[in-house]
Structures are given as structure tokens and as C-alpha cells.
C-alpha atoms as a PDB file:
ATOM      1  CA  UNK A   1     -15.030  82.813 -13.578  1.00  0.00           C
ATOM      2  CA  UNK A   2     -17.566  85.437 -12.492  1.00  0.00           C
ATOM      3  CA  UNK A   3     -20.335  83.414 -14.124  1.00  0.00           C
ATOM      4  CA  UNK A   4     -19.242  80.268 -12.297  1.00  0.00           C
ATOM      5  CA  UNK A   5     -19.111  82.113  -8.988  1.00  0.00           C
ATOM      6  CA  UNK A   6     -22.618  83.491  -9.567  1.00  0.00           C
ATOM      7  CA  UNK A   7     -23.962  79.983 -10.235  1.00  0.00           C
ATOM      8  CA  UNK A   8     -22.238  78.626  -7.134  1.00  0.00           C
ATOM      9  CA  UNK A   9     -23.664  81.456  -5.002  1.00  0.00           C
ATOM     10  CA  UNK A  10     -27.150  80.709  -6.325  1.00  0.00           C
ATOM     11  CA  UNK A  11     -26.771  77.028  -5.461  1.00  0.00           C
ATOM     12  CA  UNK A  12     -25.473  77.982  -2.008  1.00  0.00           C
ATOM     13  CA  UNK A  13     -28.503  80.194  -1.415  1.00  0.00           C
ATOM     14  CA  UNK A  14     -30.854  77.338  -2.298  1.00  0.00           C
ATOM     15  CA  UNK A  15     -28.994  75.006   0.068  1.00  0.00           C
ATOM     16  CA  UNK A  16     -29.259  77.562   2.859  1.00  0.00           C
ATOM     17  CA  UNK A  17     -33.012  77.835   2.346  1.00  0.00           C
ATOM     18  CA  UNK A  18     -33.377  74.050   2.494  1.00  0.00           C
ATOM     19  CA  UNK A  19     -31.290  74.023   5.665  1.00  0.00           C
ATOM     20  CA  UNK A  20     -33.597  76.554   7.297  1.00  0.00           C
ATOM     21  CA  UNK A  21     -36.618  74.426   6.452  1.00  0.00           C
ATOM     22  CA  UNK A  22     -34.954  71.298   7.818  1.00  0.00           C
ATOM     23  CA  UNK A  23     -34.067  73.113  11.049  1.00  0.00           C
ATOM     24  CA  UNK A  24     -37.698  73.930  11.869  1.00  0.00           C
ATOM     25  CA  UNK A  25     -38.997  72.942  15.325  1.00  0.00           C
ATOM     26  CA  UNK A  26     -40.284  69.445  16.044  1.00  0.00           C
ATOM     27  CA  UNK A  27     -43.246  67.986  14.181  1.00  0.00           C
ATOM     28  CA  UNK A  28     -45.276  68.087  17.403  1.00  0.00           C
ATOM     29  CA  UNK A  29     -46.253  71.666  16.518  1.00  0.00           C
ATOM     30  CA  UNK A  30     -48.678  73.058  13.996  1.00  0.00           C
ATOM     31  CA  UNK A  31     -47.006  76.488  14.015  1.00  0.00           C
ATOM     32  CA  UNK A  32     -43.262  76.829  13.510  1.00  0.00           C
ATOM     33  CA  UNK A  33     -42.925  78.767  16.746  1.00  0.00           C
ATOM     34  CA  UNK A  34     -45.110  79.037  19.829  1.00  0.00           C
ATOM     35  CA  UNK A  35     -47.458  82.053  19.709  1.00  0.00           C
ATOM     36  CA  UNK A  36     -46.367  84.976  21.878  1.00  0.00           C
ATOM     37  CA  UNK A  37     -49.124  84.894  24.523  1.00  0.00           C
ATOM     38  CA  UNK A  38     -48.997  86.578  27.904  1.00  0.00           C
ATOM     39  CA  UNK A  39     -48.488  84.030  30.656  1.00  0.00           C
ATOM     40  CA  UNK A  40     -48.631  85.121  34.273  1.00  0.00           C
ATOM     41  CA  UNK A  41     -50.417  83.980  37.446  1.00  0.00           C
ATOM     42  CA  UNK A  42     -54.104  84.748  37.765  1.00  0.00           C
ATOM     43  CA  UNK A  43     -56.459  84.727  40.732  1.00  0.00           C
ATOM     44  CA  UNK A  44     -59.447  82.416  40.804  1.00  0.00           C
ATOM     45  CA  UNK A  45     -61.844  85.390  41.024  1.00  0.00           C
ATOM     46  CA  UNK A  46     -60.500  87.052  37.856  1.00  0.00           C
ATOM     47  CA  UNK A  47     -63.290  87.498  35.241  1.00  0.00           C
ATOM     48  CA  UNK A  48     -60.883  86.220  32.577  1.00  0.00           C
ATOM     49  CA  UNK A  49     -61.241  82.703  34.016  1.00  0.00           C
ATOM     50  CA  UNK A  50     -64.785  82.218  32.761  1.00  0.00           C
ATOM     51  CA  UNK A  51     -68.424  82.892  33.473  1.00  0.00           C
ATOM     52  CA  UNK A  52     -69.246  84.981  36.567  1.00  0.00           C
ATOM     53  CA  UNK A  53     -70.215  83.175  39.790  1.00  0.00           C
ATOM     54  CA  UNK A  54     -71.941  85.785  41.973  1.00  0.00           C
ATOM     55  CA  UNK A  55     -71.584  85.053  45.667  1.00  0.00           C
ATOM     56  CA  UNK A  56     -69.120  82.183  45.207  1.00  0.00           C
ATOM     57  CA  UNK A  57     -66.786  81.301  48.077  1.00  0.00           C
ATOM     58  CA  UNK A  58     -62.985  81.188  47.596  1.00  0.00           C
ATOM     59  CA  UNK A  59     -63.175  77.371  47.452  1.00  0.00           C
ATOM     60  CA  UNK A  60     -65.899  77.543  44.787  1.00  0.00           C
ATOM     61  CA  UNK A  61     -63.894  80.048  42.747  1.00  0.00           C
ATOM     62  CA  UNK A  62     -60.893  77.740  42.915  1.00  0.00           C
ATOM     63  CA  UNK A  63     -63.064  74.867  41.680  1.00  0.00           C
ATOM     64  CA  UNK A  64     -64.343  77.155  38.934  1.00  0.00           C
ATOM     65  CA  UNK A  65     -60.777  77.810  37.764  1.00  0.00           C
ATOM     66  CA  UNK A  66     -59.916  74.108  37.746  1.00  0.00           C
ATOM     67  CA  UNK A  67     -63.129  73.328  35.862  1.00  0.00           C
ATOM     68  CA  UNK A  68     -62.342  75.913  33.201  1.00  0.00           C
ATOM     69  CA  UNK A  69     -58.876  74.459  32.710  1.00  0.00           C
ATOM     70  CA  UNK A  70     -60.390  71.004  32.326  1.00  0.00           C
ATOM     71  CA  UNK A  71     -63.005  72.327  29.895  1.00  0.00           C
ATOM     72  CA  UNK A  72     -60.354  74.018  27.739  1.00  0.00           C
ATOM     73  CA  UNK A  73     -58.283  70.836  27.513  1.00  0.00           C
ATOM     74  CA  UNK A  74     -61.441  68.859  26.746  1.00  0.00           C
ATOM     75  CA  UNK A  75     -62.319  71.178  23.855  1.00  0.00           C
ATOM     76  CA  UNK A  76     -58.738  70.855  22.586  1.00  0.00           C
ATOM     77  CA  UNK A  77     -59.067  67.064  22.657  1.00  0.00           C
ATOM     78  CA  UNK A  78     -62.110  67.388  20.401  1.00  0.00           C
ATOM     79  CA  UNK A  79     -60.963  70.207  18.098  1.00  0.00           C
ATOM     80  CA  UNK A  80     -57.291  69.389  17.618  1.00  0.00           C
ATOM     81  CA  UNK A  81     -57.412  65.817  16.377  1.00  0.00           C
ATOM     82  CA  UNK A  82     -56.385  67.071  12.911  1.00  0.00           C
ATOM     83  CA  UNK A  83     -52.813  66.912  14.265  1.00  0.00           C
ATOM     84  CA  UNK A  84     -52.026  63.566  15.918  1.00  0.00           C
ATOM     85  CA  UNK A  85     -48.613  64.932  16.876  1.00  0.00           C
ATOM     86  CA  UNK A  86     -50.226  67.238  19.453  1.00  0.00           C
ATOM     87  CA  UNK A  87     -51.619  64.185  21.301  1.00  0.00           C
ATOM     88  CA  UNK A  88     -54.425  66.262  22.797  1.00  0.00           C
ATOM     89  CA  UNK A  89     -56.712  63.227  23.237  1.00  0.00           C
ATOM     90  CA  UNK A  90     -54.085  61.059  24.941  1.00  0.00           C
ATOM     91  CA  UNK A  91     -52.931  63.972  27.086  1.00  0.00           C
ATOM     92  CA  UNK A  92     -56.473  64.791  28.156  1.00  0.00           C
ATOM     93  CA  UNK A  93     -57.274  61.208  29.132  1.00  0.00           C
ATOM     94  CA  UNK A  94     -54.043  61.006  31.120  1.00  0.00           C
ATOM     95  CA  UNK A  95     -54.856  64.373  32.701  1.00  0.00           C
ATOM     96  CA  UNK A  96     -58.247  63.081  33.896  1.00  0.00           C
ATOM     97  CA  UNK A  97     -56.628  60.012  35.450  1.00  0.00           C
ATOM     98  CA  UNK A  98     -53.680  61.812  37.049  1.00  0.00           C
ATOM     99  CA  UNK A  99     -55.737  64.601  38.662  1.00  0.00           C
ATOM    100  CA  UNK A 100     -58.945  62.618  39.175  1.00  0.00           C
ATOM    101  CA  UNK A 101     -59.411  63.451  42.868  1.00  0.00           C
ATOM    102  CA  UNK A 102     -58.980  67.195  42.491  1.00  0.00           C
ATOM    103  CA  UNK A 103     -61.214  67.230  39.411  1.00  0.00           C
ATOM    104  CA  UNK A 104     -63.925  65.284  41.243  1.00  0.00           C
ATOM    105  CA  UNK A 105     -63.725  67.710  44.177  1.00  0.00           C
ATOM    106  CA  UNK A 106     -64.020  70.657  41.779  1.00  0.00           C
ATOM    107  CA  UNK A 107     -67.105  69.099  40.187  1.00  0.00           C
ATOM    108  CA  UNK A 108     -68.769  68.668  43.574  1.00  0.00           C
ATOM    109  CA  UNK A 109     -67.938  72.244  44.573  1.00  0.00           C
ATOM    110  CA  UNK A 110     -69.338  73.771  41.367  1.00  0.00           C
ATOM    111  CA  UNK A 111     -72.451  71.602  41.531  1.00  0.00           C
ATOM    112  CA  UNK A 112     -72.895  72.590  45.180  1.00  0.00           C
ATOM    113  CA  UNK A 113     -72.613  76.271  44.268  1.00  0.00           C
ATOM    114  CA  UNK A 114     -75.474  76.082  41.770  1.00  0.00           C
ATOM    115  CA  UNK A 115     -77.632  74.090  44.189  1.00  0.00           C
ATOM    116  CA  UNK A 116     -76.947  76.697  46.851  1.00  0.00           C
ATOM    117  CA  UNK A 117     -77.729  79.757  44.727  1.00  0.00           C
ATOM    118  CA  UNK A 118     -80.270  78.208  42.334  1.00  0.00           C
ATOM    119  CA  UNK A 119     -82.299  75.899  44.525  1.00  0.00           C
ATOM    120  CA  UNK A 120     -84.429  73.532  42.454  1.00  0.00           C
ATOM    121  CA  UNK A 121     -83.098  75.128  39.245  1.00  0.00           C
ATOM    122  CA  UNK A 122     -79.515  74.425  40.324  1.00  0.00           C
ATOM    123  CA  UNK A 123     -78.922  71.310  38.156  1.00  0.00           C
ATOM    124  CA  UNK A 124     -80.253  73.044  35.031  1.00  0.00           C
ATOM    125  CA  UNK A 125     -78.130  76.125  35.711  1.00  0.00           C
ATOM    126  CA  UNK A 126     -75.106  73.902  36.213  1.00  0.00           C
ATOM    127  CA  UNK A 127     -75.759  72.294  32.809  1.00  0.00           C
ATOM    128  CA  UNK A 128     -76.060  75.737  31.216  1.00  0.00           C
ATOM    129  CA  UNK A 129     -72.825  76.819  32.887  1.00  0.00           C
ATOM    130  CA  UNK A 130     -71.004  73.741  31.576  1.00  0.00           C
ATOM    131  CA  UNK A 131     -72.310  74.209  28.022  1.00  0.00           C
ATOM    132  CA  UNK A 132     -71.379  77.896  27.885  1.00  0.00           C
ATOM    133  CA  UNK A 133     -67.951  77.166  29.335  1.00  0.00           C
ATOM    134  CA  UNK A 134     -67.262  74.659  26.543  1.00  0.00           C
ATOM    135  CA  UNK A 135     -68.582  77.050  23.898  1.00  0.00           C
ATOM    136  CA  UNK A 136     -66.338  79.833  25.160  1.00  0.00           C
ATOM    137  CA  UNK A 137     -63.276  77.716  24.331  1.00  0.00           C
ATOM    138  CA  UNK A 138     -64.420  76.904  20.811  1.00  0.00           C
ATOM    139  CA  UNK A 139     -62.463  78.757  18.129  1.00  0.00           C
ATOM    140  CA  UNK A 140     -61.863  78.571  14.394  1.00  0.00           C
ATOM    141  CA  UNK A 141     -59.833  81.690  13.572  1.00  0.00           C
ATOM    142  CA  UNK A 142     -57.324  80.935  16.337  1.00  0.00           C
ATOM    143  CA  UNK A 143     -57.449  77.162  16.150  1.00  0.00           C
ATOM    144  CA  UNK A 144     -53.775  76.524  15.423  1.00  0.00           C
ATOM    145  CA  UNK A 145     -52.522  78.742  18.245  1.00  0.00           C
ATOM    146  CA  UNK A 146     -55.107  77.392  20.674  1.00  0.00           C
ATOM    147  CA  UNK A 147     -54.338  73.770  19.817  1.00  0.00           C
ATOM    148  CA  UNK A 148     -50.592  74.208  20.145  1.00  0.00           C
ATOM    149  CA  UNK A 149     -50.921  76.063  23.456  1.00  0.00           C
ATOM    150  CA  UNK A 150     -53.468  73.618  24.903  1.00  0.00           C
ATOM    151  CA  UNK A 151     -51.258  70.691  23.879  1.00  0.00           C
ATOM    152  CA  UNK A 152     -48.278  72.142  25.710  1.00  0.00           C
ATOM    153  CA  UNK A 153     -50.340  72.985  28.802  1.00  0.00           C
ATOM    154  CA  UNK A 154     -51.886  69.513  28.844  1.00  0.00           C
ATOM    155  CA  UNK A 155     -48.454  67.888  28.741  1.00  0.00           C
ATOM    156  CA  UNK A 156     -47.135  70.107  31.527  1.00  0.00           C
ATOM    157  CA  UNK A 157     -50.189  69.352  33.692  1.00  0.00           C
ATOM    158  CA  UNK A 158     -49.122  65.703  33.740  1.00  0.00           C
ATOM    159  CA  UNK A 159     -45.841  66.673  35.385  1.00  0.00           C
ATOM    160  CA  UNK A 160     -47.535  68.409  38.323  1.00  0.00           C
ATOM    161  CA  UNK A 161     -47.985  66.414  41.556  1.00  0.00           C
ATOM    162  CA  UNK A 162     -51.463  65.292  42.495  1.00  0.00           C
ATOM    163  CA  UNK A 163     -53.218  67.857  44.652  1.00  0.00           C
ATOM    164  CA  UNK A 164     -51.493  70.821  42.982  1.00  0.00           C
ATOM    165  CA  UNK A 165     -53.766  71.202  39.970  1.00  0.00           C
ATOM    166  CA  UNK A 166     -55.225  74.450  41.352  1.00  0.00           C
ATOM    167  CA  UNK A 167     -51.733  75.966  41.483  1.00  0.00           C
ATOM    168  CA  UNK A 168     -51.040  74.889  37.928  1.00  0.00           C
ATOM    169  CA  UNK A 169     -54.382  76.281  36.744  1.00  0.00           C
ATOM    170  CA  UNK A 170     -53.596  79.618  38.379  1.00  0.00           C
ATOM    171  CA  UNK A 171     -50.294  79.782  36.502  1.00  0.00           C
ATOM    172  CA  UNK A 172     -51.592  78.838  33.030  1.00  0.00           C
ATOM    173  CA  UNK A 173     -55.219  79.943  32.649  1.00  0.00           C
ATOM    174  CA  UNK A 174     -54.261  83.415  31.410  1.00  0.00           C
ATOM    175  CA  UNK A 175     -52.213  81.838  28.624  1.00  0.00           C
ATOM    176  CA  UNK A 176     -54.927  79.330  27.714  1.00  0.00           C
ATOM    177  CA  UNK A 177     -57.514  82.100  27.425  1.00  0.00           C
ATOM    178  CA  UNK A 178     -55.078  84.276  25.494  1.00  0.00           C
ATOM    179  CA  UNK A 179     -54.571  81.531  22.912  1.00  0.00           C
ATOM    180  CA  UNK A 180     -58.165  82.067  21.741  1.00  0.00           C
ATOM    181  CA  UNK A 181     -57.020  85.207  19.935  1.00  0.00           C
ATOM    182  CA  UNK A 182     -55.683  84.647  16.393  1.00  0.00           C
ATOM    183  CA  UNK A 183     -51.911  84.125  16.283  1.00  0.00           C
ATOM    184  CA  UNK A 184     -49.680  84.273  13.237  1.00  0.00           C
ATOM    185  CA  UNK A 185     -46.309  82.825  12.365  1.00  0.00           C
ATOM    186  CA  UNK A 186     -43.308  84.817  13.513  1.00  0.00           C
ATOM    187  CA  UNK A 187     -41.543  83.783  10.319  1.00  0.00           C
ATOM    188  CA  UNK A 188     -43.031  82.736   7.030  1.00  0.00           C
ATOM    189  CA  UNK A 189     -41.529  82.177   3.603  1.00  0.00           C
ATOM    190  CA  UNK A 190     -44.642  83.690   2.044  1.00  0.00           C
ATOM    191  CA  UNK A 191     -43.855  87.062   3.629  1.00  0.00           C
ATOM    192  CA  UNK A 192     -40.340  87.269   2.229  1.00  0.00           C
ATOM    193  CA  UNK A 193     -40.403  86.113  -1.392  1.00  0.00           C
ATOM    194  CA  UNK A 194     -36.971  85.165  -2.688  1.00  0.00           C
ATOM    195  CA  UNK A 195     -36.111  86.400  -6.148  1.00  0.00           C
ATOM    196  CA  UNK A 196     -33.255  84.753  -8.030  1.00  0.00           C
ATOM    197  CA  UNK A 197     -31.926  86.829 -10.901  1.00  0.00           C
ATOM    198  CA  UNK A 198     -31.905  85.089 -14.277  1.00  0.00           C
ATOM    199  CA  UNK A 199     -28.457  84.420 -15.710  1.00  0.00           C
ATOM    200  CA  UNK A 200     -27.962  85.595 -19.271  1.00  0.00           C
ATOM    201  CA  UNK A 201     -26.312  82.661 -21.033  1.00  0.00           C
ATOM    202  CA  UNK A 202     -26.214  84.505 -24.349  1.00  0.00           C
ATOM    203  CA  UNK A 203     -23.924  87.299 -23.181  1.00  0.00           C
ATOM    204  CA  UNK A 204     -21.047  88.448 -25.402  1.00  0.00           C
ATOM    205  CA  UNK A 205     -17.971  86.749 -23.955  1.00  0.00           C
ATOM    206  CA  UNK A 206     -15.472  88.462 -26.261  1.00  0.00           C
ATOM    207  CA  UNK A 207     -15.033  91.527 -24.054  1.00  0.00           C
ATOM    208  CA  UNK A 208     -13.980  89.454 -21.025  1.00  0.00           C
ATOM    209  CA  UNK A 209     -10.361  88.712 -20.002  1.00  0.00           C
ATOM    210  CA  UNK A 210      -8.876  85.511 -21.410  1.00  0.00           C
ATOM    211  CA  UNK A 211      -9.673  83.025 -18.604  1.00  0.00           C
ATOM    212  CA  UNK A 212     -13.113  84.475 -17.895  1.00  0.00           C
ATOM    213  CA  UNK A 213     -13.837  84.512 -21.656  1.00  0.00           C
ATOM    214  CA  UNK A 214     -13.042  80.800 -21.829  1.00  0.00           C
ATOM    215  CA  UNK A 215     -15.279  80.079 -18.834  1.00  0.00           C
ATOM    216  CA  UNK A 216     -18.054  82.130 -20.361  1.00  0.00           C
ATOM    217  CA  UNK A 217     -17.804  80.356 -23.716  1.00  0.00           C
ATOM    218  CA  UNK A 218     -17.672  76.948 -22.003  1.00  0.00           C
ATOM    219  CA  UNK A 219     -20.862  77.758 -20.044  1.00  0.00           C
ATOM    220  CA  UNK A 220     -22.674  78.650 -23.298  1.00  0.00           C
ATOM    221  CA  UNK A 221     -21.885  75.367 -25.068  1.00  0.00           C
END
């Protein structure tokens, strides 16, 4: 009887493990759980947003924040295609269409800033700014966390009304930048190896009570 109960408990443990695996979050994620990244509002002048813009006006800083959000989602569309479930390409294309006016206004404002402060070298400096902004979102060590975070932010951006992209950027840029740091699974089977004790099927059954002795002998046949 004890032997049978031990076998049943072992089978129950295996079923529980399978149940945990089946209960994992949706396949639209590359990590089981979202990385724990600080998410709080940020001002457009915060250095965390991106490259410095000396002498920029509040409107130009706001455009700068929008442009960095767009750049991050663009990089995600390029880097995260290994997981079609994240839909980063489709989300990015829809993002461009949905917020086209505000994105176009941000482009004009940033271009105007570099023409104003750079004169004839303004267009070249704008190109350098754009290239460095893209490069600053490129990541390999934190790719999974970045891709999952950018996918979620891109989807949420589509729910925001037109004309409110700057408000959305202010609420999510800290999180998008934070996702560039490596993130690890909160739970992983590899961290908690499961050891199942071997059952000795050659044990001496003679010392057991009558019913348990019969069960033991039956299990050894």
C-alpha cells in the first residue's frame, strides 16, 4: 500500500508540473512574465530620453521625445521578427498610420532644430542624430526583454487617440529605455531542478504487514 501511494504521488507530481507548464502566459510573449521595469512619467527634457539637444525649445524637446519613441519601436520592428507573435512589424506600421500627423510634426520640429543650431551643417547633424538614436536602441543581451516591452508599448500606442502621442510617450519612455537592461525570468525550471527518488523494486517484502506485503510482492512481479 505504501509503495502504491508513493507511485501515485510521483505521478501526481508529474501531472502538476505539466499543469504549470500548460498554464504559462499567452504565446505572444518571449518571456514567461513581463520584466520588472520601472514605469513612471518622464519629462521631455530628461536626459534618459535620448541624445542631448542644447538650446532646444519645449516644443522641440517634445518632438525629440516622440521621435525617440518612434525610433525604439522601429528598431523593435527590425530586431524582433524572430517572434511573429509579438507582431512588432504590423504594430509599427499601424502606429505610423495612426499617429502620422503628430509624427510628421515631430520630424519637422527636430529637423528645424538642427537647421537652427547647425546652419548649413544642420541636415548632416540631423542624419547623425537619427543614426545614433537608432543605435542607442540596439541590444543583444537584453533583446528578449526589450522586444516584449516594445511589443506591448506598440500595441498600447494604437489605443491612444490621435494628437495624444506626446502624452503616451511621456508615460512610457522610461520603461522603453529601461528594457535595454538585461532581464531574466522570474521563474525558471532550470533554477529549481526536480529530483524524483528512485523506488527500490527489489525490497524485502516479508517484513511488511499482510496487505502491504501482498501489494509489495505484486509490484515486484
